């Protein structure tokens, strides 16, 4: 029962639309501006750098807190529980019950979850994210590359049990799938670079 309650709590926490709330505090409905996405990238572009970073931190905490602290609340030592609660938060962010299951793409929340359960993989994913953004200026491409890098990295971490590796791989696949529209635009050469209008990602 404790595990079920913590999983539900993680989903509901992850479903809190911080990007929407931050933008609304500035008098903007972020769903009607820019890409229409409630994530940090759209807030960054529409509201400003500071608010975008603030949203990024909040979205990351949605993944980190359930993954790192929730197992402590339930006295659950097995690392799979951190992954379970963190993944529930990612699902909440991506399919929030508060917004009719239309949320963000889960990149920041996934990064927060990884920081809590697989910091090495998170660091490698962040490295590839930054390098890809610097070279290409595509946040969407950077998110996809980082997700793939994480999925590959966890399979080489000897301290991770099989179920953890599988779940983190599924998480990466979910992120890539959520960027399918971006992938089409990248292939067509119509995806917008970071800093320009209509950028879509996090």
C-alpha atoms as a PDB file:
ATOM      1  CA  UNK A   1       0.000   0.000   0.000  1.00  0.00           C
ATOM      2  CA  UNK A   2       2.856   2.383   0.831  1.00  0.00           C
ATOM      3  CA  UNK A   3       4.444   1.793  -2.564  1.00  0.00           C
ATOM      4  CA  UNK A   4       1.152   2.421  -4.359  1.00  0.00           C
ATOM      5  CA  UNK A   5       0.487   5.642  -2.436  1.00  0.00           C
ATOM      6  CA  UNK A   6       3.999   6.948  -3.070  1.00  0.00           C
ATOM      7  CA  UNK A   7       3.705   6.097  -6.770  1.00  0.00           C
ATOM      8  CA  UNK A   8       0.428   8.022  -7.014  1.00  0.00           C
ATOM      9  CA  UNK A   9       1.937  10.911  -5.062  1.00  0.00           C
ATOM     10  CA  UNK A  10       4.935  10.952  -7.425  1.00  0.00           C
ATOM     11  CA  UNK A  11       2.635  11.072 -10.460  1.00  0.00           C
ATOM     12  CA  UNK A  12       0.545  13.909  -9.004  1.00  0.00           C
ATOM     13  CA  UNK A  13       3.668  15.849  -8.054  1.00  0.00           C
ATOM     14  CA  UNK A  14       5.133  15.352 -11.499  1.00  0.00           C
ATOM     15  CA  UNK A  15       1.865  16.495 -13.052  1.00  0.00           C
ATOM     16  CA  UNK A  16       2.090  19.961 -11.471  1.00  0.00           C
ATOM     17  CA  UNK A  17       2.497  22.246 -14.546  1.00  0.00           C
ATOM     18  CA  UNK A  18       5.185  24.572 -13.230  1.00  0.00           C
ATOM     19  CA  UNK A  19       5.810  26.068 -16.662  1.00  0.00           C
ATOM     20  CA  UNK A  20       2.155  27.011 -16.974  1.00  0.00           C
ATOM     21  CA  UNK A  21       2.044  28.411 -13.433  1.00  0.00           C
ATOM     22  CA  UNK A  22       5.249  30.426 -13.844  1.00  0.00           C
ATOM     23  CA  UNK A  23       4.027  31.921 -17.114  1.00  0.00           C
ATOM     24  CA  UNK A  24       0.583  32.618 -15.647  1.00  0.00           C
ATOM     25  CA  UNK A  25       2.224  34.533 -12.789  1.00  0.00           C
ATOM     26  CA  UNK A  26       3.598  36.819 -15.511  1.00  0.00           C
ATOM     27  CA  UNK A  27       0.183  37.184 -17.116  1.00  0.00           C
ATOM     28  CA  UNK A  28       0.870  34.777 -19.993  1.00  0.00           C
ATOM     29  CA  UNK A  29      -0.871  31.562 -21.014  1.00  0.00           C
ATOM     30  CA  UNK A  30       2.180  29.649 -22.241  1.00  0.00           C
ATOM     31  CA  UNK A  31      -0.053  27.194 -24.096  1.00  0.00           C
ATOM     32  CA  UNK A  32      -1.001  29.995 -26.488  1.00  0.00           C
ATOM     33  CA  UNK A  33       2.491  31.362 -27.019  1.00  0.00           C
ATOM     34  CA  UNK A  34       5.534  30.097 -28.895  1.00  0.00           C
ATOM     35  CA  UNK A  35       5.410  26.340 -29.380  1.00  0.00           C
ATOM     36  CA  UNK A  36       2.468  25.981 -26.990  1.00  0.00           C
ATOM     37  CA  UNK A  37       4.531  23.594 -24.860  1.00  0.00           C
ATOM     38  CA  UNK A  38       4.473  24.073 -21.071  1.00  0.00           C
ATOM     39  CA  UNK A  39       8.133  23.130 -20.636  1.00  0.00           C
ATOM     40  CA  UNK A  40      11.146  25.247 -19.748  1.00  0.00           C
ATOM     41  CA  UNK A  41      12.318  25.877 -23.323  1.00  0.00           C
ATOM     42  CA  UNK A  42       9.095  27.622 -24.280  1.00  0.00           C
ATOM     43  CA  UNK A  43       9.040  29.593 -21.019  1.00  0.00           C
ATOM     44  CA  UNK A  44      12.671  30.589 -21.661  1.00  0.00           C
ATOM     45  CA  UNK A  45      11.819  31.971 -25.076  1.00  0.00           C
ATOM     46  CA  UNK A  46       8.439  33.570 -24.309  1.00  0.00           C
ATOM     47  CA  UNK A  47       8.898  34.879 -20.752  1.00  0.00           C
ATOM     48  CA  UNK A  48      12.655  35.256 -20.508  1.00  0.00           C
ATOM     49  CA  UNK A  49      15.915  33.568 -19.558  1.00  0.00           C
ATOM     50  CA  UNK A  50      15.515  33.818 -15.785  1.00  0.00           C
ATOM     51  CA  UNK A  51      11.991  32.427 -15.752  1.00  0.00           C
ATOM     52  CA  UNK A  52      13.005  29.674 -18.145  1.00  0.00           C
ATOM     53  CA  UNK A  53      15.838  28.585 -15.854  1.00  0.00           C
ATOM     54  CA  UNK A  54      13.511  28.770 -12.859  1.00  0.00           C
ATOM     55  CA  UNK A  55      11.021  26.506 -14.633  1.00  0.00           C
ATOM     56  CA  UNK A  56      13.835  24.143 -15.612  1.00  0.00           C
ATOM     57  CA  UNK A  57      14.885  23.775 -11.977  1.00  0.00           C
ATOM     58  CA  UNK A  58      11.304  23.197 -10.821  1.00  0.00           C
ATOM     59  CA  UNK A  59      10.684  20.586 -13.517  1.00  0.00           C
ATOM     60  CA  UNK A  60      13.931  18.827 -12.621  1.00  0.00           C
ATOM     61  CA  UNK A  61      12.954  18.768  -8.948  1.00  0.00           C
ATOM     62  CA  UNK A  62       9.742  16.989  -9.942  1.00  0.00           C
ATOM     63  CA  UNK A  63      11.890  14.054 -10.966  1.00  0.00           C
ATOM     64  CA  UNK A  64      14.618  14.312  -8.328  1.00  0.00           C
ATOM     65  CA  UNK A  65      12.453  14.542  -5.199  1.00  0.00           C
ATOM     66  CA  UNK A  66      10.353  11.400  -5.855  1.00  0.00           C
ATOM     67  CA  UNK A  67      13.409   9.432  -7.034  1.00  0.00           C
ATOM     68  CA  UNK A  68      15.696  10.423  -4.164  1.00  0.00           C
ATOM     69  CA  UNK A  69      13.464  11.171  -1.176  1.00  0.00           C
ATOM     70  CA  UNK A  70      10.302   9.096  -1.641  1.00  0.00           C
ATOM     71  CA  UNK A  71      12.104   5.757  -1.056  1.00  0.00           C
ATOM     72  CA  UNK A  72      13.340   7.179   2.254  1.00  0.00           C
ATOM     73  CA  UNK A  73       9.781   8.031   3.250  1.00  0.00           C
ATOM     74  CA  UNK A  74       8.745   4.422   2.700  1.00  0.00           C
ATOM     75  CA  UNK A  75      11.939   2.884   4.107  1.00  0.00           C
ATOM     76  CA  UNK A  76      12.496   1.262   0.720  1.00  0.00           C
ATOM     77  CA  UNK A  77      16.149   0.389   0.200  1.00  0.00           C
ATOM     78  CA  UNK A  78      15.913  -1.306  -3.201  1.00  0.00           C
ATOM     79  CA  UNK A  79      17.039   1.180  -5.938  1.00  0.00           C
ATOM     80  CA  UNK A  80      14.158   0.119  -8.166  1.00  0.00           C
ATOM     81  CA  UNK A  81      11.780   2.168  -6.036  1.00  0.00           C
ATOM     82  CA  UNK A  82      13.630   5.379  -6.763  1.00  0.00           C
ATOM     83  CA  UNK A  83      13.358   4.569 -10.455  1.00  0.00           C
ATOM     84  CA  UNK A  84       9.667   3.687 -10.075  1.00  0.00           C
ATOM     85  CA  UNK A  85       8.755   6.912  -8.295  1.00  0.00           C
ATOM     86  CA  UNK A  86      10.898   9.019 -10.608  1.00  0.00           C
ATOM     87  CA  UNK A  87       9.339   7.414 -13.668  1.00  0.00           C
ATOM     88  CA  UNK A  88       5.863   8.038 -12.251  1.00  0.00           C
ATOM     89  CA  UNK A  89       6.775  11.724 -11.944  1.00  0.00           C
ATOM     90  CA  UNK A  90       7.936  11.772 -15.562  1.00  0.00           C
ATOM     91  CA  UNK A  91       4.637  10.255 -16.675  1.00  0.00           C
ATOM     92  CA  UNK A  92       2.869  12.897 -14.596  1.00  0.00           C
ATOM     93  CA  UNK A  93       4.798  15.687 -16.294  1.00  0.00           C
ATOM     94  CA  UNK A  94       4.183  14.234 -19.737  1.00  0.00           C
ATOM     95  CA  UNK A  95       0.542  13.275 -19.219  1.00  0.00           C
ATOM     96  CA  UNK A  96      -0.722  15.561 -16.403  1.00  0.00           C
ATOM     97  CA  UNK A  97      -4.181  14.832 -15.106  1.00  0.00           C
ATOM     98  CA  UNK A  98      -4.606  18.546 -14.333  1.00  0.00           C
ATOM     99  CA  UNK A  99      -4.282  19.495 -18.025  1.00  0.00           C
ATOM    100  CA  UNK A 100      -6.272  16.695 -19.656  1.00  0.00           C
ATOM    101  CA  UNK A 101      -3.064  14.651 -20.040  1.00  0.00           C
ATOM    102  CA  UNK A 102      -1.375  17.195 -22.326  1.00  0.00           C
ATOM    103  CA  UNK A 103       1.978  18.067 -20.791  1.00  0.00           C
ATOM    104  CA  UNK A 104       5.652  18.587 -21.575  1.00  0.00           C
ATOM    105  CA  UNK A 105       8.228  16.264 -23.060  1.00  0.00           C
ATOM    106  CA  UNK A 106       9.832  15.191 -19.812  1.00  0.00           C
ATOM    107  CA  UNK A 107      13.466  16.087 -20.485  1.00  0.00           C
ATOM    108  CA  UNK A 108      14.084  18.220 -17.388  1.00  0.00           C
ATOM    109  CA  UNK A 109      12.055  15.903 -15.166  1.00  0.00           C
ATOM    110  CA  UNK A 110      13.970  12.908 -16.510  1.00  0.00           C
ATOM    111  CA  UNK A 111      17.259  14.675 -15.777  1.00  0.00           C
ATOM    112  CA  UNK A 112      16.137  15.255 -12.202  1.00  0.00           C
ATOM    113  CA  UNK A 113      15.154  11.628 -11.806  1.00  0.00           C
ATOM    114  CA  UNK A 114      18.518  10.491 -13.185  1.00  0.00           C
ATOM    115  CA  UNK A 115      20.351  12.761 -10.775  1.00  0.00           C
ATOM    116  CA  UNK A 116      18.615  10.892  -7.981  1.00  0.00           C
ATOM    117  CA  UNK A 117      19.168   7.315  -9.190  1.00  0.00           C
ATOM    118  CA  UNK A 118      21.888   7.331 -11.872  1.00  0.00           C
ATOM    119  CA  UNK A 119      24.058  10.461 -11.558  1.00  0.00           C
ATOM    120  CA  UNK A 120      26.803   9.093 -13.827  1.00  0.00           C
ATOM    121  CA  UNK A 121      24.357   8.484 -16.676  1.00  0.00           C
ATOM    122  CA  UNK A 122      22.815  11.874 -16.022  1.00  0.00           C
ATOM    123  CA  UNK A 123      26.224  13.557 -16.240  1.00  0.00           C
ATOM    124  CA  UNK A 124      27.034  11.854 -19.532  1.00  0.00           C
ATOM    125  CA  UNK A 125      23.607  12.735 -20.905  1.00  0.00           C
ATOM    126  CA  UNK A 126      24.097  16.367 -19.863  1.00  0.00           C
ATOM    127  CA  UNK A 127      27.494  16.431 -21.550  1.00  0.00           C
ATOM    128  CA  UNK A 128      26.031  15.255 -24.849  1.00  0.00           C
ATOM    129  CA  UNK A 129      23.085  17.652 -24.458  1.00  0.00           C
ATOM    130  CA  UNK A 130      25.354  20.687 -24.046  1.00  0.00           C
ATOM    131  CA  UNK A 131      27.717  19.659 -26.852  1.00  0.00           C
ATOM    132  CA  UNK A 132      24.808  19.070 -29.246  1.00  0.00           C
ATOM    133  CA  UNK A 133      23.184  22.417 -28.412  1.00  0.00           C
ATOM    134  CA  UNK A 134      26.474  24.267 -28.864  1.00  0.00           C
ATOM    135  CA  UNK A 135      27.162  22.616 -32.221  1.00  0.00           C
ATOM    136  CA  UNK A 136      23.672  22.445 -33.722  1.00  0.00           C
ATOM    137  CA  UNK A 137      21.607  24.987 -31.740  1.00  0.00           C
ATOM    138  CA  UNK A 138      18.758  22.457 -31.771  1.00  0.00           C
ATOM    139  CA  UNK A 139      17.403  21.802 -28.262  1.00  0.00           C
ATOM    140  CA  UNK A 140      15.155  19.056 -29.575  1.00  0.00           C
ATOM    141  CA  UNK A 141      18.075  17.226 -31.194  1.00  0.00           C
ATOM    142  CA  UNK A 142      20.137  17.677 -28.018  1.00  0.00           C
ATOM    143  CA  UNK A 143      17.325  16.159 -25.954  1.00  0.00           C
ATOM    144  CA  UNK A 144      17.151  13.133 -28.258  1.00  0.00           C
ATOM    145  CA  UNK A 145      20.932  12.643 -28.281  1.00  0.00           C
ATOM    146  CA  UNK A 146      21.092  12.948 -24.488  1.00  0.00           C
ATOM    147  CA  UNK A 147      18.295  10.406 -24.036  1.00  0.00           C
ATOM    148  CA  UNK A 148      20.077   7.914 -26.278  1.00  0.00           C
ATOM    149  CA  UNK A 149      23.380   8.531 -24.477  1.00  0.00           C
ATOM    150  CA  UNK A 150      21.716   7.811 -21.130  1.00  0.00           C
ATOM    151  CA  UNK A 151      20.110   4.615 -22.431  1.00  0.00           C
ATOM    152  CA  UNK A 152      23.467   3.347 -23.676  1.00  0.00           C
ATOM    153  CA  UNK A 153      25.369   4.407 -20.539  1.00  0.00           C
ATOM    154  CA  UNK A 154      23.152   2.579 -18.036  1.00  0.00           C
ATOM    155  CA  UNK A 155      23.868  -0.737 -19.764  1.00  0.00           C
ATOM    156  CA  UNK A 156      27.561  -0.296 -18.981  1.00  0.00           C
ATOM    157  CA  UNK A 157      27.034   0.553 -15.314  1.00  0.00           C
ATOM    158  CA  UNK A 158      27.759  -2.605 -13.380  1.00  0.00           C
ATOM    159  CA  UNK A 159      25.978  -1.467 -10.220  1.00  0.00           C
ATOM    160  CA  UNK A 160      22.591  -1.170 -11.940  1.00  0.00           C
ATOM    161  CA  UNK A 161      20.250  -4.163 -11.786  1.00  0.00           C
ATOM    162  CA  UNK A 162      18.521  -5.281 -14.970  1.00  0.00           C
ATOM    163  CA  UNK A 163      15.099  -3.816 -14.172  1.00  0.00           C
ATOM    164  CA  UNK A 164      16.651  -0.398 -13.553  1.00  0.00           C
ATOM    165  CA  UNK A 165      18.441  -0.537 -16.898  1.00  0.00           C
ATOM    166  CA  UNK A 166      15.224  -1.530 -18.658  1.00  0.00           C
ATOM    167  CA  UNK A 167      13.143   1.226 -17.060  1.00  0.00           C
ATOM    168  CA  UNK A 168      15.721   3.914 -17.831  1.00  0.00           C
ATOM    169  CA  UNK A 169      15.882   2.663 -21.419  1.00  0.00           C
ATOM    170  CA  UNK A 170      12.091   2.851 -21.696  1.00  0.00           C
ATOM    171  CA  UNK A 171      12.300   6.404 -20.326  1.00  0.00           C
ATOM    172  CA  UNK A 172      14.768   7.320 -23.073  1.00  0.00           C
ATOM    173  CA  UNK A 173      12.553   5.746 -25.730  1.00  0.00           C
ATOM    174  CA  UNK A 174       9.592   7.738 -24.398  1.00  0.00           C
ATOM    175  CA  UNK A 175      11.535  10.991 -24.705  1.00  0.00           C
ATOM    176  CA  UNK A 176      12.526  10.197 -28.295  1.00  0.00           C
ATOM    177  CA  UNK A 177       8.924   9.265 -29.141  1.00  0.00           C
ATOM    178  CA  UNK A 178       7.623  12.513 -27.673  1.00  0.00           C
ATOM    179  CA  UNK A 179       9.990  14.353 -30.005  1.00  0.00           C
ATOM    180  CA  UNK A 180       8.672  12.601 -33.119  1.00  0.00           C
ATOM    181  CA  UNK A 181       7.275  15.850 -34.552  1.00  0.00           C
ATOM    182  CA  UNK A 182      10.652  17.502 -33.971  1.00  0.00           C
ATOM    183  CA  UNK A 183      12.376  14.602 -35.727  1.00  0.00           C
ATOM    184  CA  UNK A 184      10.196  15.130 -38.795  1.00  0.00           C
ATOM    185  CA  UNK A 185      11.067  18.826 -38.834  1.00  0.00           C
ATOM    186  CA  UNK A 186      14.760  18.045 -38.391  1.00  0.00           C
ATOM    187  CA  UNK A 187      14.645  15.686 -41.363  1.00  0.00           C
ATOM    188  CA  UNK A 188      12.720  18.241 -43.418  1.00  0.00           C
ATOM    189  CA  UNK A 189      15.067  21.050 -42.427  1.00  0.00           C
ATOM    190  CA  UNK A 190      12.237  23.085 -40.903  1.00  0.00           C
ATOM    191  CA  UNK A 191      13.078  22.731 -37.199  1.00  0.00           C
ATOM    192  CA  UNK A 192      13.863  26.057 -35.534  1.00  0.00           C
ATOM    193  CA  UNK A 193      17.158  26.585 -33.774  1.00  0.00           C
ATOM    194  CA  UNK A 194      17.485  27.646 -30.154  1.00  0.00           C
ATOM    195  CA  UNK A 195      16.703  31.320 -29.636  1.00  0.00           C
ATOM    196  CA  UNK A 196      14.320  31.559 -32.570  1.00  0.00           C
ATOM    197  CA  UNK A 197      10.545  31.527 -32.630  1.00  0.00           C
ATOM    198  CA  UNK A 198       8.627  28.253 -32.450  1.00  0.00           C
ATOM    199  CA  UNK A 199      11.388  26.229 -30.862  1.00  0.00           C
ATOM    200  CA  UNK A 200       9.876  23.110 -29.303  1.00  0.00           C
ATOM    201  CA  UNK A 201      11.442  20.867 -26.727  1.00  0.00           C
ATOM    202  CA  UNK A 202      11.779  20.289 -22.996  1.00  0.00           C
END
